């Protein structure tokens, strides 16, 4: 990787979260991946609220990987929230979901997703997808400085 970064993975399925983290370890070595299990927890993480107030333990992310189908606050609601926050609206959000529905793809982009990636069905393809995401978003693209919202 060309620079250090932090990724926030927003995923409610523990098995999927584990697989994404393992795939990332193979291709994005040294890039920390924080986990939020739903949109509400991701909001608290980004705001630095409660347990997430210690930014040395919970660094502000440079990139968000977002599942769409989650309890409490789903991916679409999270996208609407994040794009309504002036200091967060440029934070790249990559939808990483099992849905292949065109309506989900269209809606995710309409709500402000920067990219839409369908979760591969096997681990080797997931590793390759994580490599491609890392190569493009963390090495090939110039991202805005990761700036956490102020109090």
N, C-alpha and C. Protein backbone atom coordinates (compact mmCIF):
# COMPACT_ATOMS: atom_id res chain seq x y z
N UNK A 1 0.84 -1.18 0.00
CA UNK A 1 0.00 0.00 0.00
C UNK A 1 0.88 1.25 0.00
N UNK A 2 0.42 2.26 -0.65
CA UNK A 2 1.19 3.48 -0.76
C UNK A 2 1.15 4.30 0.53
N UNK A 3 0.13 4.14 1.32
CA UNK A 3 0.03 4.90 2.55
C UNK A 3 -0.72 4.09 3.58
N UNK A 4 -0.58 4.50 4.85
CA UNK A 4 -1.33 3.79 5.87
C UNK A 4 -2.77 4.28 5.83
N UNK A 5 -3.66 3.46 6.25
CA UNK A 5 -5.08 3.79 6.21
C UNK A 5 -5.79 2.96 7.26
N UNK A 6 -7.03 3.32 7.51
CA UNK A 6 -7.90 2.52 8.36
C UNK A 6 -9.19 2.31 7.60
N UNK A 7 -9.73 1.11 7.70
CA UNK A 7 -11.00 0.77 7.06
C UNK A 7 -12.01 0.47 8.15
N UNK A 8 -13.22 1.01 7.98
CA UNK A 8 -14.34 0.67 8.85
C UNK A 8 -15.24 -0.28 8.08
N UNK A 9 -15.38 -1.50 8.56
CA UNK A 9 -16.27 -2.49 7.98
C UNK A 9 -17.58 -2.46 8.75
N UNK A 10 -18.68 -2.20 8.05
CA UNK A 10 -20.00 -2.17 8.67
C UNK A 10 -20.74 -3.41 8.17
N UNK A 11 -20.80 -4.42 9.02
CA UNK A 11 -21.30 -5.76 8.63
C UNK A 11 -21.92 -6.44 9.83
N UNK A 12 -23.17 -6.87 9.69
CA UNK A 12 -23.87 -7.51 10.82
C UNK A 12 -23.65 -9.01 10.90
N UNK A 13 -23.24 -9.64 9.82
CA UNK A 13 -23.05 -11.10 9.82
C UNK A 13 -21.63 -11.42 10.29
N UNK A 14 -21.50 -12.07 11.46
CA UNK A 14 -20.15 -12.37 11.98
C UNK A 14 -19.30 -13.21 11.03
N UNK A 15 -19.92 -14.14 10.32
CA UNK A 15 -19.17 -14.99 9.37
C UNK A 15 -18.63 -14.16 8.21
N UNK A 16 -19.47 -13.28 7.66
CA UNK A 16 -19.02 -12.42 6.57
C UNK A 16 -17.93 -11.47 7.05
N UNK A 17 -18.09 -10.91 8.24
CA UNK A 17 -17.08 -10.00 8.79
C UNK A 17 -15.74 -10.72 8.93
N UNK A 18 -15.77 -11.94 9.44
CA UNK A 18 -14.55 -12.71 9.60
C UNK A 18 -13.89 -12.98 8.24
N UNK A 19 -14.69 -13.37 7.26
CA UNK A 19 -14.15 -13.66 5.93
C UNK A 19 -13.54 -12.41 5.28
N UNK A 20 -14.22 -11.27 5.42
CA UNK A 20 -13.69 -10.03 4.84
C UNK A 20 -12.38 -9.67 5.52
N UNK A 21 -12.32 -9.80 6.85
CA UNK A 21 -11.09 -9.48 7.57
C UNK A 21 -9.95 -10.41 7.17
N UNK A 22 -10.25 -11.71 7.04
CA UNK A 22 -9.21 -12.67 6.64
C UNK A 22 -8.73 -12.38 5.22
N UNK A 23 -9.65 -12.06 4.32
CA UNK A 23 -9.27 -11.74 2.94
C UNK A 23 -8.42 -10.47 2.92
N UNK A 24 -8.79 -9.50 3.73
CA UNK A 24 -8.02 -8.25 3.78
C UNK A 24 -6.62 -8.50 4.34
N UNK A 25 -6.50 -9.38 5.32
CA UNK A 25 -5.18 -9.69 5.89
C UNK A 25 -4.23 -10.23 4.82
N UNK A 26 -4.78 -10.96 3.86
CA UNK A 26 -3.94 -11.54 2.80
C UNK A 26 -3.45 -10.50 1.81
N UNK A 27 -4.21 -9.41 1.63
CA UNK A 27 -3.86 -8.45 0.58
C UNK A 27 -3.62 -7.04 1.09
N UNK A 28 -4.11 -6.72 2.25
CA UNK A 28 -3.98 -5.37 2.80
C UNK A 28 -3.23 -5.42 4.12
N UNK A 29 -2.15 -6.14 4.14
CA UNK A 29 -1.38 -6.34 5.37
C UNK A 29 -1.05 -5.01 6.03
N UNK A 30 -1.31 -4.95 7.32
CA UNK A 30 -0.99 -3.76 8.09
C UNK A 30 -2.09 -2.72 8.09
N UNK A 31 -3.14 -2.90 7.30
CA UNK A 31 -4.26 -1.96 7.28
C UNK A 31 -5.27 -2.42 8.33
N UNK A 32 -5.46 -1.62 9.39
CA UNK A 32 -6.43 -2.03 10.40
C UNK A 32 -7.86 -1.96 9.86
N UNK A 33 -8.66 -2.94 10.25
CA UNK A 33 -10.06 -2.98 9.87
C UNK A 33 -10.89 -3.00 11.15
N UNK A 34 -11.56 -1.89 11.40
CA UNK A 34 -12.47 -1.79 12.54
C UNK A 34 -13.82 -2.34 12.11
N UNK A 35 -14.59 -2.83 13.07
CA UNK A 35 -15.89 -3.44 12.77
C UNK A 35 -17.00 -2.74 13.52
N UNK A 36 -18.06 -2.41 12.80
CA UNK A 36 -19.32 -1.96 13.39
C UNK A 36 -20.37 -2.94 12.89
N UNK A 37 -21.24 -3.40 13.78
CA UNK A 37 -22.17 -4.47 13.41
C UNK A 37 -23.51 -3.97 12.85
N UNK A 38 -23.70 -2.67 12.80
CA UNK A 38 -24.87 -2.10 12.14
C UNK A 38 -24.63 -0.62 11.92
N UNK A 39 -25.56 0.03 11.22
CA UNK A 39 -25.39 1.44 10.91
C UNK A 39 -25.33 2.34 12.13
N UNK A 40 -26.12 2.03 13.15
CA UNK A 40 -26.10 2.85 14.37
C UNK A 40 -24.74 2.81 15.05
N UNK A 41 -24.15 1.62 15.11
CA UNK A 41 -22.82 1.50 15.71
C UNK A 41 -21.79 2.24 14.85
N UNK A 42 -21.93 2.18 13.53
CA UNK A 42 -21.02 2.89 12.64
C UNK A 42 -21.11 4.40 12.85
N UNK A 43 -22.31 4.91 13.08
CA UNK A 43 -22.48 6.33 13.36
C UNK A 43 -21.74 6.70 14.65
N UNK A 44 -21.90 5.89 15.69
CA UNK A 44 -21.18 6.15 16.95
C UNK A 44 -19.67 6.11 16.74
N UNK A 45 -19.21 5.16 15.95
CA UNK A 45 -17.78 5.06 15.64
C UNK A 45 -17.30 6.34 14.95
N UNK A 46 -18.00 6.77 13.91
CA UNK A 46 -17.57 7.95 13.17
C UNK A 46 -17.64 9.22 14.01
N UNK A 47 -18.63 9.30 14.89
CA UNK A 47 -18.75 10.47 15.76
C UNK A 47 -17.75 10.42 16.91
N UNK A 48 -17.16 9.24 17.17
CA UNK A 48 -16.24 9.09 18.29
C UNK A 48 -16.97 9.12 19.62
N UNK A 49 -18.14 8.52 19.65
CA UNK A 49 -18.97 8.51 20.87
C UNK A 49 -18.74 7.25 21.70
N UNK A 50 -18.91 7.40 23.01
CA UNK A 50 -18.83 6.25 23.92
C UNK A 50 -17.50 5.55 23.82
N UNK A 51 -17.54 4.25 23.66
CA UNK A 51 -16.31 3.46 23.60
C UNK A 51 -15.40 3.87 22.45
N UNK A 52 -15.93 4.56 21.45
CA UNK A 52 -15.14 4.95 20.27
C UNK A 52 -14.46 6.31 20.42
N UNK A 53 -14.52 6.90 21.60
CA UNK A 53 -13.93 8.23 21.80
C UNK A 53 -12.41 8.22 21.78
N UNK A 54 -11.80 7.09 22.03
CA UNK A 54 -10.34 6.98 22.02
C UNK A 54 -9.87 6.71 20.59
N UNK A 55 -9.44 7.76 19.89
CA UNK A 55 -9.05 7.61 18.48
C UNK A 55 -7.74 6.85 18.31
N UNK A 56 -6.96 6.69 19.37
CA UNK A 56 -5.77 5.85 19.23
C UNK A 56 -6.17 4.38 19.15
N UNK A 57 -7.25 4.02 19.82
CA UNK A 57 -7.75 2.64 19.78
C UNK A 57 -8.73 2.44 18.61
N UNK A 58 -9.44 3.51 18.26
CA UNK A 58 -10.46 3.45 17.20
C UNK A 58 -10.20 4.58 16.22
N UNK A 59 -9.17 4.44 15.37
CA UNK A 59 -8.81 5.53 14.45
C UNK A 59 -9.92 5.84 13.46
N UNK A 60 -9.99 7.11 13.11
CA UNK A 60 -10.97 7.53 12.12
C UNK A 60 -10.64 6.86 10.79
N UNK A 61 -11.65 6.31 10.12
CA UNK A 61 -11.37 5.56 8.89
C UNK A 61 -11.12 6.45 7.67
N UNK A 62 -10.39 5.90 6.73
CA UNK A 62 -10.17 6.53 5.44
C UNK A 62 -11.16 6.00 4.41
N UNK A 63 -11.79 4.88 4.75
CA UNK A 63 -12.67 4.17 3.82
C UNK A 63 -13.67 3.36 4.63
N UNK A 64 -14.91 3.30 4.14
CA UNK A 64 -15.95 2.50 4.79
C UNK A 64 -16.39 1.41 3.81
N UNK A 65 -16.42 0.16 4.29
CA UNK A 65 -17.01 -0.96 3.55
C UNK A 65 -18.35 -1.24 4.20
N UNK A 66 -19.41 -1.17 3.44
CA UNK A 66 -20.77 -1.16 4.00
C UNK A 66 -21.65 -2.26 3.43
N UNK A 67 -22.21 -3.06 4.33
CA UNK A 67 -23.25 -4.00 3.94
C UNK A 67 -24.56 -3.22 3.87
N UNK A 68 -25.51 -3.68 3.07
CA UNK A 68 -26.79 -2.98 2.96
C UNK A 68 -27.86 -3.51 3.90
N UNK A 69 -27.94 -4.82 4.02
CA UNK A 69 -29.03 -5.46 4.77
C UNK A 69 -28.60 -5.70 6.21
N UNK A 70 -28.97 -4.75 7.09
CA UNK A 70 -28.58 -4.84 8.51
C UNK A 70 -29.76 -4.41 9.37
N UNK A 71 -29.78 -4.87 10.61
CA UNK A 71 -30.83 -4.44 11.54
C UNK A 71 -30.58 -3.01 12.03
N UNK A 72 -31.54 -2.45 12.69
CA UNK A 72 -31.51 -1.13 13.33
C UNK A 72 -31.35 0.00 12.34
N UNK A 73 -30.21 0.17 11.72
CA UNK A 73 -30.01 1.18 10.67
C UNK A 73 -29.35 0.47 9.50
N UNK A 74 -30.10 0.33 8.41
CA UNK A 74 -29.54 -0.41 7.27
C UNK A 74 -28.56 0.45 6.48
N UNK A 75 -27.97 -0.13 5.47
CA UNK A 75 -26.95 0.56 4.70
C UNK A 75 -27.45 1.81 4.00
N UNK A 76 -28.68 1.78 3.49
CA UNK A 76 -29.22 2.97 2.83
C UNK A 76 -29.40 4.12 3.82
N UNK A 77 -29.92 3.81 4.99
CA UNK A 77 -30.10 4.84 6.02
C UNK A 77 -28.74 5.41 6.44
N UNK A 78 -27.75 4.53 6.57
CA UNK A 78 -26.40 4.98 6.92
C UNK A 78 -25.85 5.90 5.83
N UNK A 79 -26.02 5.52 4.57
CA UNK A 79 -25.55 6.36 3.47
C UNK A 79 -26.21 7.74 3.51
N UNK A 80 -27.52 7.79 3.75
CA UNK A 80 -28.21 9.08 3.85
C UNK A 80 -27.63 9.90 4.99
N UNK A 81 -27.40 9.25 6.14
CA UNK A 81 -26.86 9.97 7.30
C UNK A 81 -25.47 10.53 6.98
N UNK A 82 -24.58 9.68 6.48
CA UNK A 82 -23.19 10.11 6.27
C UNK A 82 -23.11 11.22 5.23
N UNK A 83 -23.91 11.15 4.17
CA UNK A 83 -23.86 12.17 3.13
C UNK A 83 -24.51 13.49 3.58
N UNK A 84 -25.26 13.46 4.66
CA UNK A 84 -25.85 14.68 5.22
C UNK A 84 -24.90 15.38 6.19
N UNK A 85 -23.78 14.74 6.54
CA UNK A 85 -22.81 15.33 7.47
C UNK A 85 -21.74 16.07 6.66
N UNK A 86 -21.67 17.39 6.78
CA UNK A 86 -20.71 18.14 5.95
C UNK A 86 -19.28 17.63 6.05
N UNK A 87 -18.82 17.28 7.23
CA UNK A 87 -17.42 16.85 7.39
C UNK A 87 -17.19 15.40 6.92
N UNK A 88 -18.26 14.65 6.73
CA UNK A 88 -18.14 13.23 6.33
C UNK A 88 -18.56 12.95 4.90
N UNK A 89 -19.16 13.91 4.24
CA UNK A 89 -19.76 13.60 2.94
C UNK A 89 -18.76 13.17 1.88
N UNK A 90 -17.48 13.46 2.08
CA UNK A 90 -16.47 13.02 1.11
C UNK A 90 -15.78 11.71 1.50
N UNK A 91 -16.12 11.16 2.66
CA UNK A 91 -15.54 9.89 3.09
C UNK A 91 -16.00 8.78 2.13
N UNK A 92 -15.08 8.09 1.47
CA UNK A 92 -15.49 7.05 0.52
C UNK A 92 -16.22 5.90 1.22
N UNK A 93 -17.37 5.55 0.66
CA UNK A 93 -18.17 4.43 1.16
C UNK A 93 -18.36 3.45 0.01
N UNK A 94 -17.83 2.24 0.23
CA UNK A 94 -17.93 1.17 -0.76
C UNK A 94 -18.95 0.16 -0.25
N UNK A 95 -20.01 -0.02 -1.00
CA UNK A 95 -21.00 -1.03 -0.63
C UNK A 95 -20.40 -2.39 -0.97
N UNK A 96 -20.39 -3.28 0.03
CA UNK A 96 -19.92 -4.66 -0.13
C UNK A 96 -21.05 -5.54 0.35
N UNK A 97 -21.81 -6.07 -0.59
CA UNK A 97 -23.06 -6.73 -0.26
C UNK A 97 -23.26 -8.00 -1.07
N UNK A 98 -24.17 -8.83 -0.60
CA UNK A 98 -24.52 -10.04 -1.32
C UNK A 98 -25.58 -9.81 -2.38
N UNK A 99 -26.19 -8.63 -2.38
CA UNK A 99 -27.29 -8.37 -3.30
C UNK A 99 -26.80 -8.11 -4.72
N UNK A 100 -27.44 -8.80 -5.67
CA UNK A 100 -27.14 -8.56 -7.08
C UNK A 100 -28.31 -7.84 -7.76
N UNK A 101 -29.27 -7.38 -6.97
CA UNK A 101 -30.46 -6.72 -7.51
C UNK A 101 -30.11 -5.35 -8.07
N UNK A 102 -30.52 -5.09 -9.28
CA UNK A 102 -30.27 -3.79 -9.91
C UNK A 102 -30.90 -2.66 -9.10
N UNK A 103 -32.05 -2.91 -8.49
CA UNK A 103 -32.69 -1.86 -7.68
C UNK A 103 -31.82 -1.49 -6.48
N UNK A 104 -31.14 -2.48 -5.87
CA UNK A 104 -30.24 -2.19 -4.75
C UNK A 104 -29.03 -1.39 -5.22
N UNK A 105 -28.49 -1.78 -6.37
CA UNK A 105 -27.34 -1.07 -6.92
C UNK A 105 -27.69 0.39 -7.18
N UNK A 106 -28.79 0.59 -7.88
CA UNK A 106 -29.22 1.95 -8.23
C UNK A 106 -29.46 2.79 -6.97
N UNK A 107 -30.17 2.20 -6.02
CA UNK A 107 -30.49 2.94 -4.79
C UNK A 107 -29.22 3.29 -4.00
N UNK A 108 -28.28 2.36 -3.92
CA UNK A 108 -27.03 2.63 -3.19
C UNK A 108 -26.30 3.83 -3.81
N UNK A 109 -26.20 3.87 -5.12
CA UNK A 109 -25.55 5.01 -5.77
C UNK A 109 -26.36 6.30 -5.56
N UNK A 110 -27.67 6.20 -5.62
CA UNK A 110 -28.50 7.38 -5.39
C UNK A 110 -28.34 7.93 -3.98
N UNK A 111 -28.08 7.05 -3.02
CA UNK A 111 -27.90 7.47 -1.62
C UNK A 111 -26.47 7.94 -1.34
N UNK A 112 -25.56 7.80 -2.32
CA UNK A 112 -24.23 8.35 -2.15
C UNK A 112 -23.08 7.37 -2.07
N UNK A 113 -23.30 6.10 -2.41
CA UNK A 113 -22.19 5.15 -2.43
C UNK A 113 -21.18 5.55 -3.49
N UNK A 114 -19.90 5.33 -3.20
CA UNK A 114 -18.85 5.61 -4.17
C UNK A 114 -18.61 4.42 -5.10
N UNK A 115 -18.96 3.23 -4.64
CA UNK A 115 -18.78 2.03 -5.43
C UNK A 115 -19.71 0.94 -4.88
N UNK A 116 -19.99 -0.04 -5.70
CA UNK A 116 -20.88 -1.14 -5.32
C UNK A 116 -20.21 -2.44 -5.73
N UNK A 117 -19.88 -3.28 -4.75
CA UNK A 117 -19.18 -4.53 -5.01
C UNK A 117 -20.03 -5.67 -4.44
N UNK A 118 -20.31 -6.65 -5.28
CA UNK A 118 -21.05 -7.82 -4.82
C UNK A 118 -20.07 -8.78 -4.15
N UNK A 119 -20.43 -9.26 -2.95
CA UNK A 119 -19.56 -10.19 -2.24
C UNK A 119 -19.40 -11.46 -3.07
N UNK A 120 -18.17 -11.82 -3.35
CA UNK A 120 -17.94 -13.06 -4.09
C UNK A 120 -18.40 -14.28 -3.28
N UNK A 121 -18.71 -15.35 -4.01
CA UNK A 121 -19.23 -16.54 -3.35
C UNK A 121 -18.14 -17.44 -2.79
N UNK A 122 -16.87 -17.24 -3.18
CA UNK A 122 -15.81 -18.07 -2.61
C UNK A 122 -14.68 -17.18 -2.08
N UNK A 123 -13.89 -17.74 -1.19
CA UNK A 123 -12.88 -16.98 -0.48
C UNK A 123 -11.79 -16.43 -1.41
N UNK A 124 -11.34 -17.22 -2.36
CA UNK A 124 -10.29 -16.75 -3.27
C UNK A 124 -10.74 -15.52 -4.05
N UNK A 125 -12.00 -15.52 -4.48
CA UNK A 125 -12.53 -14.36 -5.19
C UNK A 125 -12.68 -13.17 -4.26
N UNK A 126 -13.00 -13.42 -2.99
CA UNK A 126 -13.08 -12.34 -2.01
C UNK A 126 -11.70 -11.72 -1.78
N UNK A 127 -10.68 -12.55 -1.70
CA UNK A 127 -9.31 -12.06 -1.56
C UNK A 127 -8.97 -11.16 -2.75
N UNK A 128 -9.30 -11.61 -3.94
CA UNK A 128 -9.03 -10.81 -5.14
C UNK A 128 -9.82 -9.49 -5.12
N UNK A 129 -11.07 -9.55 -4.68
CA UNK A 129 -11.88 -8.32 -4.59
C UNK A 129 -11.26 -7.34 -3.59
N UNK A 130 -10.78 -7.83 -2.47
CA UNK A 130 -10.15 -6.96 -1.47
C UNK A 130 -8.86 -6.37 -2.03
N UNK A 131 -8.12 -7.15 -2.79
CA UNK A 131 -6.89 -6.64 -3.41
C UNK A 131 -7.23 -5.52 -4.39
N UNK A 132 -8.24 -5.74 -5.21
CA UNK A 132 -8.66 -4.72 -6.18
C UNK A 132 -9.13 -3.46 -5.47
N UNK A 133 -9.93 -3.61 -4.40
CA UNK A 133 -10.38 -2.44 -3.64
C UNK A 133 -9.19 -1.69 -3.05
N UNK A 134 -8.27 -2.41 -2.46
CA UNK A 134 -7.09 -1.77 -1.88
C UNK A 134 -6.23 -1.08 -2.92
N UNK A 135 -6.02 -1.76 -4.04
CA UNK A 135 -5.20 -1.17 -5.10
C UNK A 135 -5.82 0.13 -5.62
N UNK A 136 -7.13 0.13 -5.81
CA UNK A 136 -7.78 1.32 -6.34
C UNK A 136 -7.94 2.41 -5.29
N UNK A 137 -8.59 2.08 -4.17
CA UNK A 137 -8.97 3.11 -3.20
C UNK A 137 -7.82 3.55 -2.30
N UNK A 138 -6.89 2.68 -2.01
CA UNK A 138 -5.84 3.05 -1.06
C UNK A 138 -4.49 3.32 -1.72
N UNK A 139 -4.28 2.80 -2.91
CA UNK A 139 -3.01 3.04 -3.61
C UNK A 139 -3.19 3.91 -4.84
N UNK A 140 -4.24 3.65 -5.60
CA UNK A 140 -4.41 4.34 -6.87
C UNK A 140 -5.16 5.64 -6.82
N UNK A 141 -5.91 5.89 -5.76
CA UNK A 141 -6.71 7.10 -5.65
C UNK A 141 -6.15 8.03 -4.60
N UNK A 142 -6.30 9.32 -4.82
CA UNK A 142 -5.96 10.30 -3.79
C UNK A 142 -7.24 10.56 -3.01
N UNK A 143 -7.22 10.16 -1.75
CA UNK A 143 -8.39 10.34 -0.89
C UNK A 143 -8.25 11.64 -0.12
N UNK A 144 -9.38 12.25 0.23
CA UNK A 144 -9.29 13.42 1.10
C UNK A 144 -8.77 13.00 2.46
N UNK A 145 -8.14 13.92 3.16
CA UNK A 145 -7.62 13.62 4.49
C UNK A 145 -8.75 13.15 5.39
N UNK A 146 -8.49 12.09 6.13
CA UNK A 146 -9.49 11.55 7.05
C UNK A 146 -9.62 12.50 8.24
N UNK A 147 -10.75 13.18 8.32
CA UNK A 147 -10.96 14.17 9.36
C UNK A 147 -12.18 13.81 10.17
N UNK A 148 -12.00 13.44 11.43
CA UNK A 148 -13.16 13.10 12.24
C UNK A 148 -13.99 14.35 12.55
N UNK A 149 -15.29 14.17 12.73
CA UNK A 149 -16.13 15.32 13.08
C UNK A 149 -15.73 15.87 14.43
N UNK A 150 -15.85 17.17 14.56
CA UNK A 150 -15.55 17.81 15.84
C UNK A 150 -16.70 17.66 16.82
N UNK A 151 -16.48 18.04 18.08
CA UNK A 151 -17.54 17.91 19.08
C UNK A 151 -18.71 18.81 18.80
